[in-house]
């Protein structure tokens, strides 16, 4: 993946996380809030698993937070 594709993916993922946080804090504001909450939980678990599996690649707190937020997109950028 080139860096532009990773950047676009991170942007889309950031928007998704914002929607998930809003769905958790103010579920009446977002349509399909329950689905977004489930997606957020699944993403959180998946990214935690990625942190455990790829912990040797990570150099600091920023990498851990990046993988927690962006998952494989962050892993591609730190390799």
Foldseek 3Di string as FASTA:
>chain_A
DDPVVLVVLLVVLVVLVVLLVCLVVPVVVDPPSVVSVVVLVVLQVVLVVLCVVPVVLDDDPVLSVCSNRRNVSSVVVSD
